[in-house]
Amino acid sequence: MGKEEELLEHWRELTPEKQQKVLEFVELLKSESETRSPESDFVPQTPLAKKLWEIRQRAIASGLQLLNEDEIALELAARRGGLCES
């Protein structure tokens, strides 16, 4: 039996809810391979860096959109009542 047939056999045994989870997981895997960047080769060196990297990876995997520098500056300005550092 080939991998495709084996996958289909297991797929048919799953509940609709679990089939949806499988689809979401496949989409996550697909998006990871399409968006691999040089930062994916980053290896944190210190315990704090490792912990922060794990938090970042979980946030990305959950679908959280990370902010760039300009977006962070805008959010800070909004939280400070419109004041922005120049």
PDB file of N, CA and C in Angstrom:
ATOM      1  N   MET A   1       0.849  -1.168   0.000  1.00  0.00           N
ATOM      2  CA  MET A   1       0.000   0.000   0.000  1.00  0.00           C
ATOM      3  C   MET A   1       0.905   1.244   0.000  1.00  0.00           C
ATOM      4  N   GLY A   2       0.604   2.180  -0.889  1.00  0.00           N
ATOM      5  CA  GLY A   2       1.374   3.418  -0.956  1.00  0.00           C
ATOM      6  C   GLY A   2       0.982   4.375   0.147  1.00  0.00           C
ATOM      7  N   LYS A   3       1.758   5.412   0.282  1.00  0.00           N
ATOM      8  CA  LYS A   3       1.500   6.398   1.340  1.00  0.00           C
ATOM      9  C   LYS A   3       0.161   7.102   1.132  1.00  0.00           C
ATOM     10  N   GLU A   4      -0.184   7.401  -0.117  1.00  0.00           N
ATOM     11  CA  GLU A   4      -1.453   8.078  -0.367  1.00  0.00           C
ATOM     12  C   GLU A   4      -2.633   7.209   0.041  1.00  0.00           C
ATOM     13  N   GLU A   5      -2.570   5.934  -0.309  1.00  0.00           N
ATOM     14  CA  GLU A   5      -3.659   5.030   0.057  1.00  0.00           C
ATOM     15  C   GLU A   5      -3.755   4.868   1.567  1.00  0.00           C
ATOM     16  N   GLU A   6      -2.600   4.780   2.217  1.00  0.00           N
ATOM     17  CA  GLU A   6      -2.580   4.648   3.675  1.00  0.00           C
ATOM     18  C   GLU A   6      -3.176   5.897   4.326  1.00  0.00           C
ATOM     19  N   LEU A   7      -2.805   7.062   3.807  1.00  0.00           N
ATOM     20  CA  LEU A   7      -3.339   8.309   4.340  1.00  0.00           C
ATOM     21  C   LEU A   7      -4.852   8.378   4.161  1.00  0.00           C
ATOM     22  N   LEU A   8      -5.335   8.001   2.987  1.00  0.00           N
ATOM     23  CA  LEU A   8      -6.780   8.014   2.733  1.00  0.00           C
ATOM     24  C   LEU A   8      -7.521   7.038   3.648  1.00  0.00           C
ATOM     25  N   GLU A   9      -6.925   5.895   3.882  1.00  0.00           N
ATOM     26  CA  GLU A   9      -7.553   4.906   4.762  1.00  0.00           C
ATOM     27  C   GLU A   9      -7.711   5.474   6.178  1.00  0.00           C
ATOM     28  N   HIS A  10      -6.647   6.104   6.679  1.00  0.00           N
ATOM     29  CA  HIS A  10      -6.723   6.709   8.012  1.00  0.00           C
ATOM     30  C   HIS A  10      -7.693   7.884   8.015  1.00  0.00           C
ATOM     31  N   TRP A  11      -7.676   8.672   6.932  1.00  0.00           N
ATOM     32  CA  TRP A  11      -8.557   9.839   6.814  1.00  0.00           C
ATOM     33  C   TRP A  11     -10.021   9.433   6.954  1.00  0.00           C
ATOM     34  N   ARG A  12     -10.403   8.382   6.306  1.00  0.00           N
ATOM     35  CA  ARG A  12     -11.798   7.933   6.312  1.00  0.00           C
ATOM     36  C   ARG A  12     -12.259   7.477   7.693  1.00  0.00           C
ATOM     37  N   GLU A  13     -11.323   7.124   8.552  1.00  0.00           N
ATOM     38  CA  GLU A  13     -11.670   6.676   9.897  1.00  0.00           C
ATOM     39  C   GLU A  13     -11.832   7.833  10.883  1.00  0.00           C
ATOM     40  N   LEU A  14     -11.438   9.028  10.482  1.00  0.00           N
ATOM     41  CA  LEU A  14     -11.494  10.185  11.381  1.00  0.00           C
ATOM     42  C   LEU A  14     -12.871  10.824  11.389  1.00  0.00           C
ATOM     43  N   THR A  15     -13.184  11.452  12.520  1.00  0.00           N
ATOM     44  CA  THR A  15     -14.420  12.237  12.617  1.00  0.00           C
ATOM     45  C   THR A  15     -14.235  13.512  11.792  1.00  0.00           C
ATOM     46  N   PRO A  16     -15.311  14.176  11.406  1.00  0.00           N
ATOM     47  CA  PRO A  16     -15.176  15.430  10.659  1.00  0.00           C
ATOM     48  C   PRO A  16     -14.332  16.480  11.390  1.00  0.00           C
ATOM     49  N   GLU A  17     -14.440  16.523  12.723  1.00  0.00           N
ATOM     50  CA  GLU A  17     -13.663  17.485  13.488  1.00  0.00           C
ATOM     51  C   GLU A  17     -12.166  17.184  13.377  1.00  0.00           C
ATOM     52  N   LYS A  18     -11.813  15.920  13.458  1.00  0.00           N
ATOM     53  CA  LYS A  18     -10.405  15.550  13.352  1.00  0.00           C
ATOM     54  C   LYS A  18      -9.904  15.729  11.919  1.00  0.00           C
ATOM     55  N   GLN A  19     -10.752  15.510  10.936  1.00  0.00           N
ATOM     56  CA  GLN A  19     -10.368  15.767   9.552  1.00  0.00           C
ATOM     57  C   GLN A  19     -10.037  17.248   9.370  1.00  0.00           C
ATOM     58  N   GLN A  20     -10.817  18.122  10.015  1.00  0.00           N
ATOM     59  CA  GLN A  20     -10.555  19.559   9.939  1.00  0.00           C
ATOM     60  C   GLN A  20      -9.208  19.896  10.564  1.00  0.00           C
ATOM     61  N   LYS A  21      -8.889  19.255  11.692  1.00  0.00           N
ATOM     62  CA  LYS A  21      -7.592  19.488  12.336  1.00  0.00           C
ATOM     63  C   LYS A  21      -6.448  19.044  11.423  1.00  0.00           C
ATOM     64  N   VAL A  22      -6.643  17.925  10.745  1.00  0.00           N
ATOM     65  CA  VAL A  22      -5.614  17.439   9.816  1.00  0.00           C
ATOM     66  C   VAL A  22      -5.413  18.449   8.698  1.00  0.00           C
ATOM     67  N   LEU A  23      -6.494  18.975   8.149  1.00  0.00           N
ATOM     68  CA  LEU A  23      -6.396  19.971   7.083  1.00  0.00           C
ATOM     69  C   LEU A  23      -5.645  21.211   7.561  1.00  0.00           C
ATOM     70  N   GLU A  24      -5.960  21.671   8.762  1.00  0.00           N
ATOM     71  CA  GLU A  24      -5.282  22.839   9.307  1.00  0.00           C
ATOM     72  C   GLU A  24      -3.794  22.569   9.504  1.00  0.00           C
ATOM     73  N   PHE A  25      -3.469  21.363   9.961  1.00  0.00           N
ATOM     74  CA  PHE A  25      -2.069  21.006  10.162  1.00  0.00           C
ATOM     75  C   PHE A  25      -1.325  20.957   8.834  1.00  0.00           C
ATOM     76  N   VAL A  26      -1.961  20.392   7.820  1.00  0.00           N
ATOM     77  CA  VAL A  26      -1.339  20.316   6.494  1.00  0.00           C
ATOM     78  C   VAL A  26      -1.101  21.722   5.942  1.00  0.00           C
ATOM     79  N   GLU A  27      -2.070  22.611   6.133  1.00  0.00           N
ATOM     80  CA  GLU A  27      -1.902  23.998   5.687  1.00  0.00           C
ATOM     81  C   GLU A  27      -0.735  24.662   6.416  1.00  0.00           C
ATOM     82  N   LEU A  28      -0.599  24.387   7.710  1.00  0.00           N
ATOM     83  CA  LEU A  28       0.510  24.940   8.480  1.00  0.00           C
ATOM     84  C   LEU A  28       1.841  24.430   7.931  1.00  0.00           C
ATOM     85  N   LEU A  29       1.930  23.140   7.689  1.00  0.00           N
ATOM     86  CA  LEU A  29       3.160  22.569   7.130  1.00  0.00           C
ATOM     87  C   LEU A  29       3.475  23.176   5.772  1.00  0.00           C
ATOM     88  N   LYS A  30       2.442  23.319   4.963  1.00  0.00           N
ATOM     89  CA  LYS A  30       2.624  23.883   3.626  1.00  0.00           C
ATOM     90  C   LYS A  30       3.113  25.326   3.711  1.00  0.00           C
ATOM     91  N   SER A  31       2.513  26.124   4.582  1.00  0.00           N
ATOM     92  CA  SER A  31       2.920  27.525   4.703  1.00  0.00           C
ATOM     93  C   SER A  31       4.330  27.646   5.269  1.00  0.00           C
ATOM     94  N   GLU A  32       4.713  26.752   6.172  1.00  0.00           N
ATOM     95  CA  GLU A  32       6.073  26.777   6.709  1.00  0.00           C
ATOM     96  C   GLU A  32       7.088  26.542   5.617  1.00  0.00           C
ATOM     97  N   SER A  33       6.828  25.599   4.732  1.00  0.00           N
ATOM     98  CA  SER A  33       7.785  25.300   3.678  1.00  0.00           C
ATOM     99  C   SER A  33       7.831  26.406   2.634  1.00  0.00           C
ATOM    100  N   GLU A  34       6.730  27.125   2.443  1.00  0.00           N
ATOM    101  CA  GLU A  34       6.693  28.207   1.456  1.00  0.00           C
ATOM    102  C   GLU A  34       7.332  29.478   1.986  1.00  0.00           C
ATOM    103  N   THR A  35       7.333  29.657   3.283  1.00  0.00           N
ATOM    104  CA  THR A  35       7.815  30.912   3.860  1.00  0.00           C
ATOM    105  C   THR A  35       9.116  30.738   4.625  1.00  0.00           C
ATOM    106  N   ARG A  36       9.849  29.691   4.346  1.00  0.00           N
ATOM    107  CA  ARG A  36      11.126  29.503   5.038  1.00  0.00           C
ATOM    108  C   ARG A  36      12.044  30.665   4.700  1.00  0.00           C
ATOM    109  N   SER A  37      12.645  31.223   5.711  1.00  0.00           N
ATOM    110  CA  SER A  37      13.529  32.356   5.529  1.00  0.00           C
ATOM    111  C   SER A  37      14.859  32.068   6.213  1.00  0.00           C
ATOM    112  N   PRO A  38      15.853  32.914   5.973  1.00  0.00           N
ATOM    113  CA  PRO A  38      17.148  32.702   6.629  1.00  0.00           C
ATOM    114  C   PRO A  38      17.034  32.653   8.142  1.00  0.00           C
ATOM    115  N   GLU A  39      16.044  33.354   8.729  1.00  0.00           N
ATOM    116  CA  GLU A  39      15.913  33.326  10.178  1.00  0.00           C
ATOM    117  C   GLU A  39      15.526  31.947  10.693  1.00  0.00           C
ATOM    118  N   SER A  40      15.011  31.073   9.804  1.00  0.00           N
ATOM    119  CA  SER A  40      14.659  29.729  10.258  1.00  0.00           C
ATOM    120  C   SER A  40      15.913  28.934  10.608  1.00  0.00           C
ATOM    121  N   ASP A  41      17.077  29.422  10.188  1.00  0.00           N
ATOM    122  CA  ASP A  41      18.339  28.774  10.523  1.00  0.00           C
ATOM    123  C   ASP A  41      18.907  29.303  11.840  1.00  0.00           C
ATOM    124  N   PHE A  42      18.208  30.270  12.440  1.00  0.00           N
ATOM    125  CA  PHE A  42      18.669  30.873  13.688  1.00  0.00           C
ATOM    126  C   PHE A  42      18.665  29.840  14.803  1.00  0.00           C
ATOM    127  N   VAL A  43      19.746  29.823  15.574  1.00  0.00           N
ATOM    128  CA  VAL A  43      19.848  28.930  16.726  1.00  0.00           C
ATOM    129  C   VAL A  43      20.167  29.776  17.951  1.00  0.00           C
ATOM    130  N   PRO A  44      19.196  29.920  18.874  1.00  0.00           N
ATOM    131  CA  PRO A  44      19.458  30.722  20.073  1.00  0.00           C
ATOM    132  C   PRO A  44      20.537  30.069  20.931  1.00  0.00           C
ATOM    133  N   GLN A  45      21.354  30.905  21.549  1.00  0.00           N
ATOM    134  CA  GLN A  45      22.506  30.402  22.300  1.00  0.00           C
ATOM    135  C   GLN A  45      22.308  30.391  23.810  1.00  0.00           C
ATOM    136  N   THR A  46      21.568  31.338  24.342  1.00  0.00           N
ATOM    137  CA  THR A  46      21.412  31.437  25.798  1.00  0.00           C
ATOM    138  C   THR A  46      20.058  30.868  26.218  1.00  0.00           C
ATOM    139  N   PRO A  47      19.909  30.519  27.490  1.00  0.00           N
ATOM    140  CA  PRO A  47      18.611  30.015  27.955  1.00  0.00           C
ATOM    141  C   PRO A  47      17.473  31.011  27.719  1.00  0.00           C
ATOM    142  N   LEU A  48      17.735  32.295  27.961  1.00  0.00           N
ATOM    143  CA  LEU A  48      16.694  33.299  27.732  1.00  0.00           C
ATOM    144  C   LEU A  48      16.330  33.371  26.251  1.00  0.00           C
ATOM    145  N   ALA A  49      17.333  33.373  25.391  1.00  0.00           N
ATOM    146  CA  ALA A  49      17.075  33.423  23.948  1.00  0.00           C
ATOM    147  C   ALA A  49      16.275  32.202  23.505  1.00  0.00           C
ATOM    148  N   LYS A  50      16.589  31.036  24.049  1.00  0.00           N
ATOM    149  CA  LYS A  50      15.852  29.818  23.698  1.00  0.00           C
ATOM    150  C   LYS A  50      14.390  29.932  24.110  1.00  0.00           C
ATOM    151  N   LYS A  51      14.157  30.457  25.312  1.00  0.00           N
ATOM    152  CA  LYS A  51      12.788  30.600  25.801  1.00  0.00           C
ATOM    153  C   LYS A  51      12.016  31.603  24.940  1.00  0.00           C
ATOM    154  N   LEU A  52      12.633  32.749  24.635  1.00  0.00           N
ATOM    155  CA  LEU A  52      11.977  33.757  23.803  1.00  0.00           C
ATOM    156  C   LEU A  52      11.713  33.232  22.390  1.00  0.00           C
ATOM    157  N   TRP A  53      12.652  32.463  21.855  1.00  0.00           N
ATOM    158  CA  TRP A  53      12.475  31.892  20.516  1.00  0.00           C
ATOM    159  C   TRP A  53      11.303  30.907  20.505  1.00  0.00           C
ATOM    160  N   GLU A  54      11.189  30.091  21.551  1.00  0.00           N
ATOM    161  CA  GLU A  54      10.061  29.156  21.645  1.00  0.00           C
ATOM    162  C   GLU A  54       8.733  29.904  21.702  1.00  0.00           C
ATOM    163  N   ILE A  55       8.692  30.975  22.482  1.00  0.00           N
ATOM    164  CA  ILE A  55       7.468  31.781  22.576  1.00  0.00           C
ATOM    165  C   ILE A  55       7.129  32.357  21.207  1.00  0.00           C
ATOM    166  N   ARG A  56       8.138  32.878  20.513  1.00  0.00           N
ATOM    167  CA  ARG A  56       7.921  33.448  19.176  1.00  0.00           C
ATOM    168  C   ARG A  56       7.394  32.388  18.216  1.00  0.00           C
ATOM    169  N   GLN A  57       7.992  31.212  18.242  1.00  0.00           N
ATOM    170  CA  GLN A  57       7.577  30.142  17.331  1.00  0.00           C
ATOM    171  C   GLN A  57       6.141  29.707  17.615  1.00  0.00           C
ATOM    172  N   ARG A  58       5.758  29.617  18.882  1.00  0.00           N
ATOM    173  CA  ARG A  58       4.383  29.256  19.237  1.00  0.00           C
ATOM    174  C   ARG A  58       3.408  30.329  18.768  1.00  0.00           C
ATOM    175  N   ALA A  59       3.798  31.589  18.921  1.00  0.00           N
ATOM    176  CA  ALA A  59       2.937  32.689  18.472  1.00  0.00           C
ATOM    177  C   ALA A  59       2.718  32.623  16.971  1.00  0.00           C
ATOM    178  N   ILE A  60       3.774  32.381  16.228  1.00  0.00           N
ATOM    179  CA  ILE A  60       3.659  32.284  14.772  1.00  0.00           C
ATOM    180  C   ILE A  60       2.795  31.090  14.390  1.00  0.00           C
ATOM    181  N   ALA A  61       3.027  29.950  15.049  1.00  0.00           N
ATOM    182  CA  ALA A  61       2.256  28.740  14.729  1.00  0.00           C
ATOM    183  C   ALA A  61       0.774  28.917  15.032  1.00  0.00           C
ATOM    184  N   SER A  62       0.451  29.755  16.015  1.00  0.00           N
ATOM    185  CA  SER A  62      -0.950  29.968  16.365  1.00  0.00           C
ATOM    186  C   SER A  62      -1.627  30.961  15.424  1.00  0.00           C
ATOM    187  N   GLY A  63      -0.852  31.555  14.524  1.00  0.00           N
ATOM    188  CA  GLY A  63      -1.431  32.476  13.559  1.00  0.00           C
ATOM    189  C   GLY A  63      -1.276  33.936  13.919  1.00  0.00           C
ATOM    190  N   LEU A  64      -0.592  34.212  15.011  1.00  0.00           N
ATOM    191  CA  LEU A  64      -0.384  35.595  15.419  1.00  0.00           C
ATOM    192  C   LEU A  64       0.482  36.303  14.383  1.00  0.00           C
ATOM    193  N   GLN A  65       0.062  37.477  13.956  1.00  0.00           N
ATOM    194  CA  GLN A  65       0.830  38.253  12.990  1.00  0.00           C
ATOM    195  C   GLN A  65       1.832  39.122  13.736  1.00  0.00           C
ATOM    196  N   LEU A  66       3.113  38.929  13.464  1.00  0.00           N
ATOM    197  CA  LEU A  66       4.136  39.724  14.127  1.00  0.00           C
ATOM    198  C   LEU A  66       4.205  41.109  13.493  1.00  0.00           C
ATOM    199  N   LEU A  67       4.579  42.092  14.287  1.00  0.00           N
ATOM    200  CA  LEU A  67       4.667  43.465  13.816  1.00  0.00           C
ATOM    201  C   LEU A  67       6.092  43.790  13.362  1.00  0.00           C
ATOM    202  N   ASN A  68       6.204  44.668  12.341  1.00  0.00           N
ATOM    203  CA  ASN A  68       7.524  45.154  11.961  1.00  0.00           C
ATOM    204  C   ASN A  68       7.831  46.403  12.775  1.00  0.00           C
ATOM    205  N   GLU A  69       8.997  47.011  12.579  1.00  0.00           N
ATOM    206  CA  GLU A  69       9.407  48.152  13.393  1.00  0.00           C
ATOM    207  C   GLU A  69       8.431  49.319  13.279  1.00  0.00           C
ATOM    208  N   ASP A  70       7.968  49.619  12.081  1.00  0.00           N
ATOM    209  CA  ASP A  70       7.039  50.734  11.897  1.00  0.00           C
ATOM    210  C   ASP A  70       5.710  50.476  12.601  1.00  0.00           C
ATOM    211  N   GLU A  71       5.219  49.242  12.509  1.00  0.00           N
ATOM    212  CA  GLU A  71       3.957  48.891  13.163  1.00  0.00           C
ATOM    213  C   GLU A  71       4.079  48.963  14.682  1.00  0.00           C
ATOM    214  N   ILE A  72       5.233  48.577  15.197  1.00  0.00           N
ATOM    215  CA  ILE A  72       5.470  48.672  16.643  1.00  0.00           C
ATOM    216  C   ILE A  72       5.464  50.137  17.075  1.00  0.00           C
ATOM    217  N   ALA A  73       6.118  50.997  16.298  1.00  0.00           N
ATOM    218  CA  ALA A  73       6.161  52.425  16.630  1.00  0.00           C
ATOM    219  C   ALA A  73       4.755  53.019  16.623  1.00  0.00           C
ATOM    220  N   LEU A  74       3.927  52.633  15.648  1.00  0.00           N
ATOM    221  CA  LEU A  74       2.553  53.129  15.595  1.00  0.00           C
ATOM    222  C   LEU A  74       1.741  52.649  16.796  1.00  0.00           C
ATOM    223  N   GLU A  75       1.918  51.391  17.172  1.00  0.00           N
ATOM    224  CA  GLU A  75       1.184  50.868  18.321  1.00  0.00           C
ATOM    225  C   GLU A  75       1.616  51.564  19.607  1.00  0.00           C
ATOM    226  N   LEU A  76       2.907  51.781  19.767  1.00  0.00           N
ATOM    227  CA  LEU A  76       3.389  52.488  20.955  1.00  0.00           C
ATOM    228  C   LEU A  76       2.829  53.902  21.004  1.00  0.00           C
ATOM    229  N   ALA A  77       2.820  54.572  19.862  1.00  0.00           N
ATOM    230  CA  ALA A  77       2.283  55.938  19.823  1.00  0.00           C
ATOM    231  C   ALA A  77       0.814  55.935  20.212  1.00  0.00           C
ATOM    232  N   ALA A  78       0.062  54.967  19.724  1.00  0.00           N
ATOM    233  CA  ALA A  78      -1.363  54.893  20.048  1.00  0.00           C
ATOM    234  C   ALA A  78      -1.565  54.632  21.537  1.00  0.00           C
ATOM    235  N   ARG A  79      -0.742  53.774  22.108  1.00  0.00           N
ATOM    236  CA  ARG A  79      -0.877  53.468  23.534  1.00  0.00           C
ATOM    237  C   ARG A  79      -0.456  54.638  24.413  1.00  0.00           C
ATOM    238  N   ARG A  80       0.403  55.506  23.875  1.00  0.00           N
ATOM    239  CA  ARG A  80       0.898  56.656  24.646  1.00  0.00           C
ATOM    240  C   ARG A  80       0.071  57.899  24.358  1.00  0.00           C
ATOM    241  N   GLY A  81      -1.098  57.713  23.788  1.00  0.00           N
ATOM    242  CA  GLY A  81      -1.965  58.848  23.535  1.00  0.00           C
ATOM    243  C   GLY A  81      -1.547  59.671  22.332  1.00  0.00           C
ATOM    244  N   GLY A  82      -0.907  59.032  21.375  1.00  0.00           N
ATOM    245  CA  GLY A  82      -0.542  59.722  20.148  1.00  0.00           C
ATOM    246  C   GLY A  82       0.860  60.305  20.173  1.00  0.00           C
ATOM    247  N   LEU A  83       1.551  60.223  21.303  1.00  0.00           N
ATOM    248  CA  LEU A  83       2.910  60.733  21.373  1.00  0.00           C
ATOM    249  C   LEU A  83       3.863  59.746  20.709  1.00  0.00           C
ATOM    250  N   CYS A  84       4.779  60.280  19.929  1.00  0.00           N
ATOM    251  CA  CYS A  84       5.717  59.418  19.210  1.00  0.00           C
ATOM    252  C   CYS A  84       7.103  59.998  19.332  1.00  0.00           C
ATOM    253  N   GLU A  85       8.090  59.136  19.565  1.00  0.00           N
ATOM    254  CA  GLU A  85       9.482  59.597  19.619  1.00  0.00           C
ATOM    255  C   GLU A  85       9.933  59.942  18.216  1.00  0.00           C
ATOM    256  N   SER A  86      10.738  61.001  18.093  1.00  0.00           N
ATOM    257  CA  SER A  86      11.238  61.403  16.772  1.00  0.00           C
ATOM    258  C   SER A  86      12.696  61.173  16.670  1.00  0.00           C
TER     259      SER A  86
END
